[in-house]
PDB file of N, CA and C in Angstrom:
ATOM      1  N   MET A   1     -48.927 -34.996 -76.528  1.00  0.00           N
ATOM      2  CA  MET A   1     -47.686 -34.270 -76.414  1.00  0.00           C
ATOM      3  C   MET A   1     -47.495 -33.886 -74.950  1.00  0.00           C
ATOM      4  N   LYS A   2     -46.311 -34.146 -74.466  1.00  0.00           N
ATOM      5  CA  LYS A   2     -46.012 -33.845 -73.073  1.00  0.00           C
ATOM      6  C   LYS A   2     -45.134 -32.588 -73.012  1.00  0.00           C
ATOM      7  N   ILE A   3     -45.522 -31.646 -72.140  1.00  0.00           N
ATOM      8  CA  ILE A   3     -44.728 -30.418 -71.957  1.00  0.00           C
ATOM      9  C   ILE A   3     -44.050 -30.520 -70.601  1.00  0.00           C
ATOM     10  N   ASN A   4     -42.757 -30.530 -70.665  1.00  0.00           N
ATOM     11  CA  ASN A   4     -41.979 -30.592 -69.428  1.00  0.00           C
ATOM     12  C   ASN A   4     -41.880 -29.180 -68.831  1.00  0.00           C
ATOM     13  N   PRO A   5     -41.985 -29.088 -67.546  1.00  0.00           N
ATOM     14  CA  PRO A   5     -41.867 -27.751 -66.954  1.00  0.00           C
ATOM     15  C   PRO A   5     -40.464 -27.184 -67.202  1.00  0.00           C
ATOM     16  N   SER A   6     -40.450 -25.963 -67.605  1.00  0.00           N
ATOM     17  CA  SER A   6     -39.146 -25.342 -67.865  1.00  0.00           C
ATOM     18  C   SER A   6     -38.512 -24.914 -66.541  1.00  0.00           C
ATOM     19  N   ASN A   7     -37.277 -24.674 -66.583  1.00  0.00           N
ATOM     20  CA  ASN A   7     -36.535 -24.302 -65.382  1.00  0.00           C
ATOM     21  C   ASN A   7     -36.391 -22.776 -65.309  1.00  0.00           C
ATOM     22  N   LEU A   8     -37.465 -22.070 -65.606  1.00  0.00           N
ATOM     23  CA  LEU A   8     -37.418 -20.611 -65.625  1.00  0.00           C
ATOM     24  C   LEU A   8     -37.362 -20.011 -64.222  1.00  0.00           C
ATOM     25  N   PHE A   9     -37.735 -20.766 -63.242  1.00  0.00           N
ATOM     26  CA  PHE A   9     -37.720 -20.223 -61.888  1.00  0.00           C
ATOM     27  C   PHE A   9     -36.297 -19.993 -61.387  1.00  0.00           C
ATOM     28  N   ALA A  10     -35.341 -20.713 -61.975  1.00  0.00           N
ATOM     29  CA  ALA A  10     -33.949 -20.567 -61.558  1.00  0.00           C
ATOM     30  C   ALA A  10     -33.290 -19.352 -62.211  1.00  0.00           C
ATOM     31  N   ILE A  11     -33.930 -18.774 -63.223  1.00  0.00           N
ATOM     32  CA  ILE A  11     -33.363 -17.623 -63.929  1.00  0.00           C
ATOM     33  C   ILE A  11     -33.942 -16.343 -63.341  1.00  0.00           C
ATOM     34  N   ASN A  12     -33.083 -15.489 -62.904  1.00  0.00           N
ATOM     35  CA  ASN A  12     -33.510 -14.203 -62.363  1.00  0.00           C
ATOM     36  C   ASN A  12     -32.923 -13.113 -63.254  1.00  0.00           C
ATOM     37  N   PRO A  13     -33.737 -12.415 -64.031  1.00  0.00           N
ATOM     38  CA  PRO A  13     -33.198 -11.411 -64.957  1.00  0.00           C
ATOM     39  C   PRO A  13     -32.545 -10.221 -64.248  1.00  0.00           C
ATOM     40  N   TYR A  14     -32.844 -10.021 -62.984  1.00  0.00           N
ATOM     41  CA  TYR A  14     -32.286  -8.880 -62.260  1.00  0.00           C
ATOM     42  C   TYR A  14     -31.032  -9.236 -61.466  1.00  0.00           C
ATOM     43  N   LYS A  15     -30.679 -10.510 -61.485  1.00  0.00           N
ATOM     44  CA  LYS A  15     -29.550 -10.962 -60.679  1.00  0.00           C
ATOM     45  C   LYS A  15     -28.235 -10.351 -61.159  1.00  0.00           C
ATOM     46  N   LYS A  16     -28.036 -10.311 -62.473  1.00  0.00           N
ATOM     47  CA  LYS A  16     -26.785  -9.759 -62.989  1.00  0.00           C
ATOM     48  C   LYS A  16     -26.659  -8.278 -62.621  1.00  0.00           C
ATOM     49  N   GLN A  17     -27.755  -7.534 -62.706  1.00  0.00           N
ATOM     50  CA  GLN A  17     -27.718  -6.118 -62.362  1.00  0.00           C
ATOM     51  C   GLN A  17     -27.403  -5.928 -60.888  1.00  0.00           C
ATOM     52  N   SER A  18     -28.002  -6.750 -60.035  1.00  0.00           N
ATOM     53  CA  SER A  18     -27.731  -6.611 -58.604  1.00  0.00           C
ATOM     54  C   SER A  18     -26.287  -6.985 -58.290  1.00  0.00           C
ATOM     55  N   GLU A  19     -25.738  -7.954 -59.017  1.00  0.00           N
ATOM     56  CA  GLU A  19     -24.336  -8.319 -58.816  1.00  0.00           C
ATOM     57  C   GLU A  19     -23.419  -7.175 -59.226  1.00  0.00           C
ATOM     58  N   LYS A  20     -23.744  -6.488 -60.325  1.00  0.00           N
ATOM     59  CA  LYS A  20     -22.938  -5.339 -60.762  1.00  0.00           C
ATOM     60  C   LYS A  20     -22.994  -4.231 -59.719  1.00  0.00           C
ATOM     61  N   THR A  21     -24.158  -4.006 -59.184  1.00  0.00           N
ATOM     62  CA  THR A  21     -24.314  -2.963 -58.160  1.00  0.00           C
ATOM     63  C   THR A  21     -23.496  -3.302 -56.926  1.00  0.00           C
ATOM     64  N   GLU A  22     -23.508  -4.545 -56.529  1.00  0.00           N
ATOM     65  CA  GLU A  22     -22.733  -4.968 -55.366  1.00  0.00           C
ATOM     66  C   GLU A  22     -21.241  -4.771 -55.607  1.00  0.00           C
ATOM     67  N   GLN A  23     -20.781  -5.038 -56.832  1.00  0.00           N
ATOM     68  CA  GLN A  23     -19.374  -4.863 -57.152  1.00  0.00           C
ATOM     69  C   GLN A  23     -18.978  -3.392 -57.054  1.00  0.00           C
ATOM     70  N   VAL A  24     -19.847  -2.501 -57.503  1.00  0.00           N
ATOM     71  CA  VAL A  24     -19.560  -1.072 -57.416  1.00  0.00           C
ATOM     72  C   VAL A  24     -19.447  -0.656 -55.964  1.00  0.00           C
ATOM     73  N   TYR A  25     -20.348  -1.118 -55.099  1.00  0.00           N
ATOM     74  CA  TYR A  25     -20.301  -0.770 -53.685  1.00  0.00           C
ATOM     75  C   TYR A  25     -19.051  -1.326 -53.012  1.00  0.00           C
ATOM     76  N   LYS A  26     -18.607  -2.481 -53.453  1.00  0.00           N
ATOM     77  CA  LYS A  26     -17.410  -3.060 -52.872  1.00  0.00           C
ATOM     78  C   LYS A  26     -16.169  -2.257 -53.258  1.00  0.00           C
ATOM     79  N   LYS A  27     -16.146  -1.702 -54.484  1.00  0.00           N
ATOM     80  CA  LYS A  27     -14.997  -0.931 -54.940  1.00  0.00           C
ATOM     81  C   LYS A  27     -14.914   0.416 -54.235  1.00  0.00           C
ATOM     82  N   ASN A  28     -16.050   1.086 -54.065  1.00  0.00           N
ATOM     83  CA  ASN A  28     -16.092   2.420 -53.464  1.00  0.00           C
ATOM     84  C   ASN A  28     -16.956   2.403 -52.209  1.00  0.00           C
ATOM     85  N   PRO A  29     -16.418   1.930 -51.099  1.00  0.00           N
ATOM     86  CA  PRO A  29     -17.253   1.818 -49.903  1.00  0.00           C
ATOM     87  C   PRO A  29     -17.619   3.160 -49.285  1.00  0.00           C
ATOM     88  N   GLN A  30     -16.811   4.218 -49.504  1.00  0.00           N
ATOM     89  CA  GLN A  30     -17.103   5.507 -48.889  1.00  0.00           C
ATOM     90  C   GLN A  30     -16.838   6.623 -49.884  1.00  0.00           C
ATOM     91  N   ASP A  31     -17.660   7.648 -49.808  1.00  0.00           N
ATOM     92  CA  ASP A  31     -17.417   8.851 -50.586  1.00  0.00           C
ATOM     93  C   ASP A  31     -16.470   9.733 -49.791  1.00  0.00           C
ATOM     94  N   GLN A  32     -15.638  10.461 -50.505  1.00  0.00           N
ATOM     95  CA  GLN A  32     -14.710  11.353 -49.836  1.00  0.00           C
ATOM     96  C   GLN A  32     -14.729  12.704 -50.535  1.00  0.00           C
ATOM     97  N   ILE A  33     -14.453  13.731 -49.774  1.00  0.00           N
ATOM     98  CA  ILE A  33     -14.364  15.071 -50.331  1.00  0.00           C
ATOM     99  C   ILE A  33     -13.117  15.734 -49.774  1.00  0.00           C
ATOM    100  N   HIS A  34     -12.439  16.473 -50.627  1.00  0.00           N
ATOM    101  CA  HIS A  34     -11.244  17.191 -50.218  1.00  0.00           C
ATOM    102  C   HIS A  34     -11.425  18.651 -50.605  1.00  0.00           C
ATOM    103  N   ILE A  35     -11.251  19.538 -49.630  1.00  0.00           N
ATOM    104  CA  ILE A  35     -11.376  20.967 -49.873  1.00  0.00           C
ATOM    105  C   ILE A  35      -9.978  21.568 -49.810  1.00  0.00           C
ATOM    106  N   SER A  36      -9.614  22.293 -50.843  1.00  0.00           N
ATOM    107  CA  SER A  36      -8.282  22.881 -50.882  1.00  0.00           C
ATOM    108  C   SER A  36      -8.162  23.996 -49.854  1.00  0.00           C
ATOM    109  N   SER A  37      -6.936  24.349 -49.551  1.00  0.00           N
ATOM    110  CA  SER A  37      -6.710  25.408 -48.562  1.00  0.00           C
ATOM    111  C   SER A  37      -7.217  26.749 -49.078  1.00  0.00           C
ATOM    112  N   GLU A  38      -7.132  26.969 -50.392  1.00  0.00           N
ATOM    113  CA  GLU A  38      -7.644  28.223 -50.956  1.00  0.00           C
ATOM    114  C   GLU A  38      -9.169  28.295 -50.833  1.00  0.00           C
ATOM    115  N   ALA A  39      -9.836  27.177 -51.034  1.00  0.00           N
ATOM    116  CA  ALA A  39     -11.296  27.160 -50.887  1.00  0.00           C
ATOM    117  C   ALA A  39     -11.694  27.429 -49.443  1.00  0.00           C
ATOM    118  N   LYS A  40     -10.910  26.914 -48.507  1.00  0.00           N
ATOM    119  CA  LYS A  40     -11.195  27.161 -47.098  1.00  0.00           C
ATOM    120  C   LYS A  40     -11.037  28.640 -46.770  1.00  0.00           C
ATOM    121  N   LYS A  41     -10.039  29.287 -47.364  1.00  0.00           N
ATOM    122  CA  LYS A  41      -9.848  30.718 -47.150  1.00  0.00           C
ATOM    123  C   LYS A  41     -11.028  31.511 -47.706  1.00  0.00           C
ATOM    124  N   LEU A  42     -11.535  31.074 -48.856  1.00  0.00           N
ATOM    125  CA  LEU A  42     -12.659  31.769 -49.480  1.00  0.00           C
ATOM    126  C   LEU A  42     -13.943  31.635 -48.674  1.00  0.00           C
ATOM    127  N   GLN A  43     -14.053  30.577 -47.901  1.00  0.00           N
ATOM    128  CA  GLN A  43     -15.242  30.387 -47.077  1.00  0.00           C
ATOM    129  C   GLN A  43     -15.311  31.409 -45.960  1.00  0.00           C
ATOM    130  N   GLY A  44     -14.215  32.002 -45.617  1.00  0.00           N
ATOM    131  CA  GLY A  44     -14.208  33.017 -44.573  1.00  0.00           C
ATOM    132  C   GLY A  44     -14.464  32.449 -43.198  1.00  0.00           C
ATOM    133  N   ASN A  45     -13.735  31.420 -42.829  1.00  0.00           N
ATOM    134  CA  ASN A  45     -13.933  30.794 -41.524  1.00  0.00           C
ATOM    135  C   ASN A  45     -13.499  31.695 -40.366  1.00  0.00           C
ATOM    136  N   GLU A  46     -12.677  32.677 -40.641  1.00  0.00           N
ATOM    137  CA  GLU A  46     -12.195  33.568 -39.596  1.00  0.00           C
ATOM    138  C   GLU A  46     -13.185  34.711 -39.409  1.00  0.00           C
ATOM    139  N   PRO A  47     -13.770  34.859 -38.228  1.00  0.00           N
ATOM    140  CA  PRO A  47     -14.698  35.964 -38.002  1.00  0.00           C
ATOM    141  C   PRO A  47     -13.953  37.300 -37.921  1.00  0.00           C
ATOM    142  N   SER A  48     -14.663  38.361 -38.258  1.00  0.00           N
ATOM    143  CA  SER A  48     -14.076  39.696 -38.222  1.00  0.00           C
ATOM    144  C   SER A  48     -13.840  40.120 -36.771  1.00  0.00           C
ATOM    145  N   PRO A  49     -12.967  41.107 -36.556  1.00  0.00           N
ATOM    146  CA  PRO A  49     -12.710  41.577 -35.180  1.00  0.00           C
ATOM    147  C   PRO A  49     -13.975  42.128 -34.510  1.00  0.00           C
ATOM    148  N   GLU A  50     -14.836  42.773 -35.287  1.00  0.00           N
ATOM    149  CA  GLU A  50     -16.082  43.293 -34.724  1.00  0.00           C
ATOM    150  C   GLU A  50     -16.964  42.153 -34.235  1.00  0.00           C
ATOM    151  N   ARG A  51     -17.002  41.102 -35.025  1.00  0.00           N
ATOM    152  CA  ARG A  51     -17.817  39.943 -34.660  1.00  0.00           C
ATOM    153  C   ARG A  51     -17.272  39.287 -33.391  1.00  0.00           C
ATOM    154  N   LEU A  52     -15.954  39.160 -33.317  1.00  0.00           N
ATOM    155  CA  LEU A  52     -15.335  38.565 -32.132  1.00  0.00           C
ATOM    156  C   LEU A  52     -15.637  39.387 -30.887  1.00  0.00           C
ATOM    157  N   GLU A  53     -15.598  40.723 -31.025  1.00  0.00           N
ATOM    158  CA  GLU A  53     -15.897  41.601 -29.892  1.00  0.00           C
ATOM    159  C   GLU A  53     -17.344  41.429 -29.441  1.00  0.00           C
ATOM    160  N   LYS A  54     -18.257  41.356 -30.395  1.00  0.00           N
ATOM    161  CA  LYS A  54     -19.675  41.170 -30.069  1.00  0.00           C
ATOM    162  C   LYS A  54     -19.901  39.830 -29.365  1.00  0.00           C
ATOM    163  N   LEU A  55     -19.264  38.787 -29.874  1.00  0.00           N
ATOM    164  CA  LEU A  55     -19.395  37.463 -29.262  1.00  0.00           C
ATOM    165  C   LEU A  55     -18.850  37.454 -27.838  1.00  0.00           C
ATOM    166  N   GLU A  56     -17.744  38.141 -27.611  1.00  0.00           N
ATOM    167  CA  GLU A  56     -17.167  38.194 -26.270  1.00  0.00           C
ATOM    168  C   GLU A  56     -18.107  38.902 -25.302  1.00  0.00           C
ATOM    169  N   LYS A  57     -18.742  39.985 -25.753  1.00  0.00           N
ATOM    170  CA  LYS A  57     -19.706  40.698 -24.907  1.00  0.00           C
ATOM    171  C   LYS A  57     -20.894  39.802 -24.565  1.00  0.00           C
ATOM    172  N   LEU A  58     -21.379  39.072 -25.565  1.00  0.00           N
ATOM    173  CA  LEU A  58     -22.502  38.165 -25.319  1.00  0.00           C
ATOM    174  C   LEU A  58     -22.124  37.073 -24.321  1.00  0.00           C
ATOM    175  N   LYS A  59     -20.925  36.518 -24.472  1.00  0.00           N
ATOM    176  CA  LYS A  59     -20.472  35.482 -23.542  1.00  0.00           C
ATOM    177  C   LYS A  59     -20.429  36.011 -22.112  1.00  0.00           C
ATOM    178  N   GLN A  60     -19.923  37.244 -21.960  1.00  0.00           N
ATOM    179  CA  GLN A  60     -19.844  37.837 -20.630  1.00  0.00           C
ATOM    180  C   GLN A  60     -21.238  38.047 -20.041  1.00  0.00           C
ATOM    181  N   GLN A  61     -22.176  38.529 -20.869  1.00  0.00           N
ATOM    182  CA  GLN A  61     -23.540  38.740 -20.398  1.00  0.00           C
ATOM    183  C   GLN A  61     -24.209  37.435 -19.986  1.00  0.00           C
ATOM    184  N   ILE A  62     -24.001  36.394 -20.780  1.00  0.00           N
ATOM    185  CA  ILE A  62     -24.604  35.092 -20.467  1.00  0.00           C
ATOM    186  C   ILE A  62     -24.023  34.534 -19.176  1.00  0.00           C
ATOM    187  N   ASN A  63     -22.697  34.607 -19.054  1.00  0.00           N
ATOM    188  CA  ASN A  63     -22.037  34.071 -17.851  1.00  0.00           C
ATOM    189  C   ASN A  63     -22.431  34.833 -16.590  1.00  0.00           C
ATOM    190  N   SER A  64     -22.651  36.146 -16.709  1.00  0.00           N
ATOM    191  CA  SER A  64     -23.017  36.936 -15.534  1.00  0.00           C
ATOM    192  C   SER A  64     -24.516  36.897 -15.261  1.00  0.00           C
ATOM    193  N   GLY A  65     -25.292  36.392 -16.210  1.00  0.00           N
ATOM    194  CA  GLY A  65     -26.732  36.290 -16.029  1.00  0.00           C
ATOM    195  C   GLY A  65     -27.481  37.570 -16.355  1.00  0.00           C
ATOM    196  N   THR A  66     -26.844  38.504 -17.061  1.00  0.00           N
ATOM    197  CA  THR A  66     -27.506  39.765 -17.398  1.00  0.00           C
ATOM    198  C   THR A  66     -28.056  39.778 -18.819  1.00  0.00           C
ATOM    199  N   TYR A  67     -27.869  38.713 -19.569  1.00  0.00           N
ATOM    200  CA  TYR A  67     -28.357  38.668 -20.952  1.00  0.00           C
ATOM    201  C   TYR A  67     -29.858  38.451 -20.952  1.00  0.00           C
ATOM    202  N   GLU A  68     -30.576  39.323 -21.664  1.00  0.00           N
ATOM    203  CA  GLU A  68     -32.029  39.224 -21.747  1.00  0.00           C
ATOM    204  C   GLU A  68     -32.449  39.014 -23.194  1.00  0.00           C
ATOM    205  N   ILE A  69     -33.428  38.159 -23.377  1.00  0.00           N
ATOM    206  CA  ILE A  69     -33.948  37.855 -24.708  1.00  0.00           C
ATOM    207  C   ILE A  69     -35.179  38.718 -24.948  1.00  0.00           C
ATOM    208  N   ASN A  70     -35.202  39.409 -26.094  1.00  0.00           N
ATOM    209  CA  ASN A  70     -36.349  40.232 -26.460  1.00  0.00           C
ATOM    210  C   ASN A  70     -37.154  39.461 -27.499  1.00  0.00           C
ATOM    211  N   GLY A  71     -38.255  38.885 -27.094  1.00  0.00           N
ATOM    212  CA  GLY A  71     -39.082  38.069 -27.981  1.00  0.00           C
ATOM    213  C   GLY A  71     -39.664  38.849 -29.141  1.00  0.00           C
ATOM    214  N   LYS A  72     -40.001  40.122 -28.930  1.00  0.00           N
ATOM    215  CA  LYS A  72     -40.569  40.930 -30.011  1.00  0.00           C
ATOM    216  C   LYS A  72     -39.552  41.157 -31.120  1.00  0.00           C
ATOM    217  N   GLU A  73     -38.300  41.401 -30.758  1.00  0.00           N
ATOM    218  CA  GLU A  73     -37.269  41.596 -31.783  1.00  0.00           C
ATOM    219  C   GLU A  73     -37.022  40.310 -32.568  1.00  0.00           C
ATOM    220  N   ILE A  74     -37.036  39.190 -31.884  1.00  0.00           N
ATOM    221  CA  ILE A  74     -36.836  37.904 -32.558  1.00  0.00           C
ATOM    222  C   ILE A  74     -37.979  37.637 -33.525  1.00  0.00           C
ATOM    223  N   ALA A  75     -39.208  37.853 -33.070  1.00  0.00           N
ATOM    224  CA  ALA A  75     -40.370  37.628 -33.934  1.00  0.00           C
ATOM    225  C   ALA A  75     -40.327  38.563 -35.140  1.00  0.00           C
ATOM    226  N   LYS A  76     -39.943  39.815 -34.926  1.00  0.00           N
ATOM    227  CA  LYS A  76     -39.866  40.771 -36.029  1.00  0.00           C
ATOM    228  C   LYS A  76     -38.831  40.348 -37.058  1.00  0.00           C
ATOM    229  N   SER A  77     -37.672  39.895 -36.593  1.00  0.00           N
ATOM    230  CA  SER A  77     -36.625  39.471 -37.523  1.00  0.00           C
ATOM    231  C   SER A  77     -37.048  38.223 -38.309  1.00  0.00           C
ATOM    232  N   ILE A  78     -37.808  37.329 -37.683  1.00  0.00           N
ATOM    233  CA  ILE A  78     -38.309  36.139 -38.394  1.00  0.00           C
ATOM    234  C   ILE A  78     -39.306  36.560 -39.473  1.00  0.00           C
ATOM    235  N   VAL A  79     -40.216  37.456 -39.129  1.00  0.00           N
ATOM    236  CA  VAL A  79     -41.207  37.921 -40.103  1.00  0.00           C
ATOM    237  C   VAL A  79     -40.510  38.648 -41.240  1.00  0.00           C
ATOM    238  N   ASP A  80     -39.545  39.506 -40.931  1.00  0.00           N
ATOM    239  CA  ASP A  80     -38.818  40.230 -41.971  1.00  0.00           C
ATOM    240  C   ASP A  80     -38.077  39.287 -42.896  1.00  0.00           C
ATOM    241  N   PHE A  81     -37.517  38.223 -42.319  1.00  0.00           N
ATOM    242  CA  PHE A  81     -36.786  37.240 -43.138  1.00  0.00           C
ATOM    243  C   PHE A  81     -37.709  36.583 -44.157  1.00  0.00           C
ATOM    244  N   TYR A  82     -38.887  36.194 -43.746  1.00  0.00           N
ATOM    245  CA  TYR A  82     -39.800  35.499 -44.639  1.00  0.00           C
ATOM    246  C   TYR A  82     -40.549  36.437 -45.580  1.00  0.00           C
ATOM    247  N   LYS A  83     -40.538  37.725 -45.327  1.00  0.00           N
ATOM    248  CA  LYS A  83     -41.167  38.676 -46.231  1.00  0.00           C
ATOM    249  C   LYS A  83     -40.302  38.943 -47.458  1.00  0.00           C
ATOM    250  N   LYS A  84     -39.020  38.655 -47.352  1.00  0.00           N
ATOM    251  CA  LYS A  84     -38.099  38.923 -48.473  1.00  0.00           C
ATOM    252  C   LYS A  84     -38.413  38.094 -49.668  1.00  0.00           C
TER     253      LYS A  84
END
């Protein structure tokens, strides 16, 4: 009895799945997100007047070269943050 080699090498069971995946990527090439204007308002993108005043003072100090960094206060705030 002679057994002829089957042509199983030409069959790829994963080919159809990969083709489906490629079709999905072709249909939706990019994800998009839209945020409504009400959601943007809720995010609070506008800083408070106190915050704006503080930022302006910091900018002036940096520009004039009088702003000093206190390493101990920074380290303390980091430790306090992680202790919570």
